[in-house]
Amino acid sequence: MNQTKTELIVGIFVLIGLAALAYLSVRLGKLDFIGTQGYRVVADFDSTAGLKPGAMVEIAGVEVGRVESIRLTKQYQAAVAFRIRPGVILQEDAIASVKTKGLIGEKYVRITPGGSDKILGDGGVLRETESPTELEDLIAKFIHGKI
């Protein structure tokens, strides 16, 4: 009887530990089980050097979405699709820029709001983009005296 009670307590403890681990994995991984929320926006960049799916999308330093996918277009540009949270309104003339955060160099997309009256909906395209500044290009320009 005593051994059965001990095994039951250990089993419950293990289940609670597994549930806590699953909860932390979902929270830290920012996974969505219920489905995707918000609307999808696409922007074409000349380069997305270092940007990865899952990267943050920010407006004024506030996270408003995540990068869903990056693919190559027929015009040899990088088409970046990101999901924007519901309730966040983007104007048609907003500017999407790939920026670097912190010392490690984590890439993210910064959106600068525009002033247009036209609002982007699901499947909208941001036409104004800025590719990231690449350190190698700056060093090469400096060495060759172009700066």
C-alpha atoms as a PDB file:
ATOM      1  CA  MET A   1       0.000   0.000   0.000  1.00  0.00           C
ATOM      2  CA  ASN A   2       2.799   2.419   0.961  1.00  0.00           C
ATOM      3  CA  GLN A   3       4.739   1.709  -2.262  1.00  0.00           C
ATOM      4  CA  THR A   4       1.623   2.349  -4.397  1.00  0.00           C
ATOM      5  CA  LYS A   5       1.076   5.697  -2.694  1.00  0.00           C
ATOM      6  CA  THR A   6       4.709   6.703  -3.348  1.00  0.00           C
ATOM      7  CA  GLU A   7       4.464   5.678  -7.005  1.00  0.00           C
ATOM      8  CA  LEU A   8       1.246   7.697  -7.378  1.00  0.00           C
ATOM      9  CA  ILE A   9       2.862  10.815  -5.877  1.00  0.00           C
ATOM     10  CA  VAL A  10       5.924  10.435  -8.133  1.00  0.00           C
ATOM     11  CA  GLY A  11       3.656   9.965 -11.178  1.00  0.00           C
ATOM     12  CA  ILE A  12       1.670  13.107 -10.380  1.00  0.00           C
ATOM     13  CA  PHE A  13       4.912  15.049  -9.838  1.00  0.00           C
ATOM     14  CA  VAL A  14       6.241  13.873 -13.240  1.00  0.00           C
ATOM     15  CA  LEU A  15       2.980  14.877 -14.988  1.00  0.00           C
ATOM     16  CA  ILE A  16       3.068  18.336 -13.395  1.00  0.00           C
ATOM     17  CA  GLY A  17       6.698  18.725 -14.506  1.00  0.00           C
ATOM     18  CA  LEU A  18       5.866  17.709 -18.089  1.00  0.00           C
ATOM     19  CA  ALA A  19       2.908  20.119 -18.170  1.00  0.00           C
ATOM     20  CA  ALA A  20       5.150  22.961 -16.923  1.00  0.00           C
ATOM     21  CA  LEU A  21       7.782  22.112 -19.546  1.00  0.00           C
ATOM     22  CA  ALA A  22       5.159  22.093 -22.321  1.00  0.00           C
ATOM     23  CA  TYR A  23       3.779  25.435 -21.131  1.00  0.00           C
ATOM     24  CA  LEU A  24       7.242  27.038 -21.101  1.00  0.00           C
ATOM     25  CA  SER A  25       8.043  25.646 -24.539  1.00  0.00           C
ATOM     26  CA  VAL A  26       4.907  27.179 -26.016  1.00  0.00           C
ATOM     27  CA  ARG A  27       5.393  30.535 -24.260  1.00  0.00           C
ATOM     28  CA  LEU A  28       9.084  30.927 -25.050  1.00  0.00           C
ATOM     29  CA  GLY A  29       8.718  29.586 -28.581  1.00  0.00           C
ATOM     30  CA  LYS A  30       5.747  31.903 -29.214  1.00  0.00           C
ATOM     31  CA  LEU A  31       3.811  29.116 -30.893  1.00  0.00           C
ATOM     32  CA  ASP A  32       0.171  29.423 -31.896  1.00  0.00           C
ATOM     33  CA  PHE A  33      -1.956  26.289 -31.570  1.00  0.00           C
ATOM     34  CA  ILE A  34      -5.313  27.896 -32.242  1.00  0.00           C
ATOM     35  CA  GLY A  35      -4.261  29.221 -35.619  1.00  0.00           C
ATOM     36  CA  THR A  36      -2.769  32.362 -37.005  1.00  0.00           C
ATOM     37  CA  GLN A  37      -4.177  35.639 -35.852  1.00  0.00           C
ATOM     38  CA  GLY A  38      -4.000  38.960 -37.622  1.00  0.00           C
ATOM     39  CA  TYR A  39      -3.459  39.715 -41.261  1.00  0.00           C
ATOM     40  CA  ARG A  40      -0.683  38.983 -43.727  1.00  0.00           C
ATOM     41  CA  VAL A  41       1.419  41.683 -45.415  1.00  0.00           C
ATOM     42  CA  VAL A  42       4.186  41.206 -48.010  1.00  0.00           C
ATOM     43  CA  ALA A  43       7.184  43.426 -48.826  1.00  0.00           C
ATOM     44  CA  ASP A  44       9.907  42.944 -51.452  1.00  0.00           C
ATOM     45  CA  PHE A  45      13.491  43.712 -50.420  1.00  0.00           C
ATOM     46  CA  ASP A  46      16.694  43.811 -52.475  1.00  0.00           C
ATOM     47  CA  SER A  47      18.406  41.989 -49.591  1.00  0.00           C
ATOM     48  CA  THR A  48      17.312  40.528 -46.266  1.00  0.00           C
ATOM     49  CA  ALA A  49      20.792  39.537 -45.082  1.00  0.00           C
ATOM     50  CA  GLY A  50      20.370  37.682 -41.785  1.00  0.00           C
ATOM     51  CA  LEU A  51      16.573  38.022 -41.463  1.00  0.00           C
ATOM     52  CA  LYS A  52      14.875  34.744 -40.551  1.00  0.00           C
ATOM     53  CA  PRO A  53      11.279  33.514 -40.301  1.00  0.00           C
ATOM     54  CA  GLY A  54      10.011  34.172 -36.796  1.00  0.00           C
ATOM     55  CA  ALA A  55      11.832  37.510 -36.508  1.00  0.00           C
ATOM     56  CA  MET A  56       9.962  40.381 -34.874  1.00  0.00           C
ATOM     57  CA  VAL A  57       8.096  43.123 -36.703  1.00  0.00           C
ATOM     58  CA  GLU A  58       8.060  46.398 -34.765  1.00  0.00           C
ATOM     59  CA  ILE A  59       6.481  49.817 -34.956  1.00  0.00           C
ATOM     60  CA  ALA A  60       8.003  52.455 -32.635  1.00  0.00           C
ATOM     61  CA  GLY A  61       9.776  49.699 -30.676  1.00  0.00           C
ATOM     62  CA  VAL A  62       6.566  47.765 -30.012  1.00  0.00           C
ATOM     63  CA  GLU A  63       6.205  44.241 -31.386  1.00  0.00           C
ATOM     64  CA  VAL A  64       3.249  44.123 -33.782  1.00  0.00           C
ATOM     65  CA  GLY A  65       3.920  40.878 -35.634  1.00  0.00           C
ATOM     66  CA  ARG A  66       6.316  38.181 -36.807  1.00  0.00           C
ATOM     67  CA  VAL A  67       8.008  37.291 -40.090  1.00  0.00           C
ATOM     68  CA  GLU A  68       6.208  34.265 -41.571  1.00  0.00           C
ATOM     69  CA  SER A  69       8.324  33.431 -44.598  1.00  0.00           C
ATOM     70  CA  ILE A  70      11.055  34.672 -46.926  1.00  0.00           C
ATOM     71  CA  ARG A  71      11.226  33.554 -50.537  1.00  0.00           C
ATOM     72  CA  LEU A  72      12.966  34.559 -53.757  1.00  0.00           C
ATOM     73  CA  THR A  73      10.843  36.225 -56.448  1.00  0.00           C
ATOM     74  CA  LYS A  74      11.264  35.955 -60.235  1.00  0.00           C
ATOM     75  CA  GLN A  75      12.850  39.430 -60.162  1.00  0.00           C
ATOM     76  CA  TYR A  76      15.530  38.109 -57.744  1.00  0.00           C
ATOM     77  CA  GLN A  77      14.201  40.010 -54.769  1.00  0.00           C
ATOM     78  CA  ALA A  78      13.372  38.664 -51.334  1.00  0.00           C
ATOM     79  CA  ALA A  79       9.618  38.593 -50.714  1.00  0.00           C
ATOM     80  CA  VAL A  80       9.084  38.793 -46.962  1.00  0.00           C
ATOM     81  CA  ALA A  81       5.647  37.879 -45.632  1.00  0.00           C
ATOM     82  CA  PHE A  82       4.754  38.867 -42.112  1.00  0.00           C
ATOM     83  CA  ARG A  83       1.703  38.481 -39.938  1.00  0.00           C
ATOM     84  CA  ILE A  84       0.492  41.679 -38.249  1.00  0.00           C
ATOM     85  CA  ARG A  85      -1.603  41.539 -35.067  1.00  0.00           C
ATOM     86  CA  PRO A  86      -5.296  42.398 -35.373  1.00  0.00           C
ATOM     87  CA  GLY A  87      -6.033  46.002 -34.487  1.00  0.00           C
ATOM     88  CA  VAL A  88      -2.727  47.328 -35.885  1.00  0.00           C
ATOM     89  CA  ILE A  89      -3.431  49.532 -38.897  1.00  0.00           C
ATOM     90  CA  LEU A  90      -0.842  49.945 -41.655  1.00  0.00           C
ATOM     91  CA  GLN A  91      -1.092  52.634 -44.290  1.00  0.00           C
ATOM     92  CA  GLU A  92      -0.326  51.903 -47.915  1.00  0.00           C
ATOM     93  CA  ASP A  93       2.774  54.143 -47.880  1.00  0.00           C
ATOM     94  CA  ALA A  94       4.350  52.681 -44.726  1.00  0.00           C
ATOM     95  CA  ILE A  95       8.069  51.875 -44.989  1.00  0.00           C
ATOM     96  CA  ALA A  96       9.458  48.449 -44.041  1.00  0.00           C
ATOM     97  CA  SER A  97      13.150  48.315 -43.070  1.00  0.00           C
ATOM     98  CA  VAL A  98      15.376  45.426 -42.032  1.00  0.00           C
ATOM     99  CA  LYS A  99      17.299  46.547 -38.951  1.00  0.00           C
ATOM    100  CA  THR A 100      19.776  45.057 -36.484  1.00  0.00           C
ATOM    101  CA  LYS A 101      19.049  44.864 -32.770  1.00  0.00           C
ATOM    102  CA  GLY A 102      21.643  44.560 -30.053  1.00  0.00           C
ATOM    103  CA  LEU A 103      25.281  43.532 -30.089  1.00  0.00           C
ATOM    104  CA  ILE A 104      24.587  40.031 -31.358  1.00  0.00           C
ATOM    105  CA  GLY A 105      23.059  41.361 -34.558  1.00  0.00           C
ATOM    106  CA  GLU A 106      19.550  39.924 -34.397  1.00  0.00           C
ATOM    107  CA  LYS A 107      17.637  41.150 -37.448  1.00  0.00           C
ATOM    108  CA  TYR A 108      14.055  42.416 -37.314  1.00  0.00           C
ATOM    109  CA  VAL A 109      11.636  44.411 -39.486  1.00  0.00           C
ATOM    110  CA  ARG A 110      10.851  47.978 -38.464  1.00  0.00           C
ATOM    111  CA  ILE A 111       7.765  49.542 -39.984  1.00  0.00           C
ATOM    112  CA  THR A 112       7.570  53.313 -40.172  1.00  0.00           C
ATOM    113  CA  PRO A 113       3.917  54.396 -40.492  1.00  0.00           C
ATOM    114  CA  GLY A 114       2.877  56.423 -43.492  1.00  0.00           C
ATOM    115  CA  GLY A 115       0.398  59.234 -43.907  1.00  0.00           C
ATOM    116  CA  SER A 116      -1.874  57.788 -46.596  1.00  0.00           C
ATOM    117  CA  ASP A 117      -5.614  57.405 -46.166  1.00  0.00           C
ATOM    118  CA  LYS A 118      -5.493  53.974 -47.818  1.00  0.00           C
ATOM    119  CA  ILE A 119      -5.212  51.132 -45.320  1.00  0.00           C
ATOM    120  CA  LEU A 120      -3.588  47.754 -46.068  1.00  0.00           C
ATOM    121  CA  GLY A 121      -5.673  44.654 -45.533  1.00  0.00           C
ATOM    122  CA  ASP A 122      -4.938  40.950 -45.620  1.00  0.00           C
ATOM    123  CA  GLY A 123      -2.544  40.222 -48.497  1.00  0.00           C
ATOM    124  CA  GLY A 124      -1.504  43.870 -48.786  1.00  0.00           C
ATOM    125  CA  VAL A 125       1.876  44.846 -50.238  1.00  0.00           C
ATOM    126  CA  LEU A 126       4.263  47.394 -48.747  1.00  0.00           C
ATOM    127  CA  ARG A 127       5.989  49.048 -51.700  1.00  0.00           C
ATOM    128  CA  GLU A 128       8.533  51.157 -49.786  1.00  0.00           C
ATOM    129  CA  THR A 129      11.372  49.059 -48.331  1.00  0.00           C
ATOM    130  CA  GLU A 130      14.911  49.556 -47.036  1.00  0.00           C
ATOM    131  CA  SER A 131      17.401  46.696 -47.101  1.00  0.00           C
ATOM    132  CA  PRO A 132      19.874  46.239 -44.231  1.00  0.00           C
ATOM    133  CA  THR A 133      23.215  48.009 -44.223  1.00  0.00           C
ATOM    134  CA  GLU A 134      25.890  45.367 -44.580  1.00  0.00           C
ATOM    135  CA  LEU A 135      29.080  45.853 -42.591  1.00  0.00           C
ATOM    136  CA  GLU A 136      31.217  44.192 -45.283  1.00  0.00           C
ATOM    137  CA  ASP A 137      30.063  46.721 -47.897  1.00  0.00           C
ATOM    138  CA  LEU A 138      30.854  49.656 -45.602  1.00  0.00           C
ATOM    139  CA  ILE A 139      34.339  48.311 -44.859  1.00  0.00           C
ATOM    140  CA  ALA A 140      35.016  47.733 -48.567  1.00  0.00           C
ATOM    141  CA  LYS A 141      33.949  51.305 -49.409  1.00  0.00           C
ATOM    142  CA  PHE A 142      36.154  52.679 -46.631  1.00  0.00           C
ATOM    143  CA  ILE A 143      39.193  50.678 -47.737  1.00  0.00           C
ATOM    144  CA  HIS A 144      38.797  51.699 -51.372  1.00  0.00           C
ATOM    145  CA  GLY A 145      38.374  55.378 -50.425  1.00  0.00           C
ATOM    146  CA  LYS A 146      34.740  55.761 -51.455  1.00  0.00           C
ATOM    147  CA  ILE A 147      33.665  57.121 -48.074  1.00  0.00           C
END
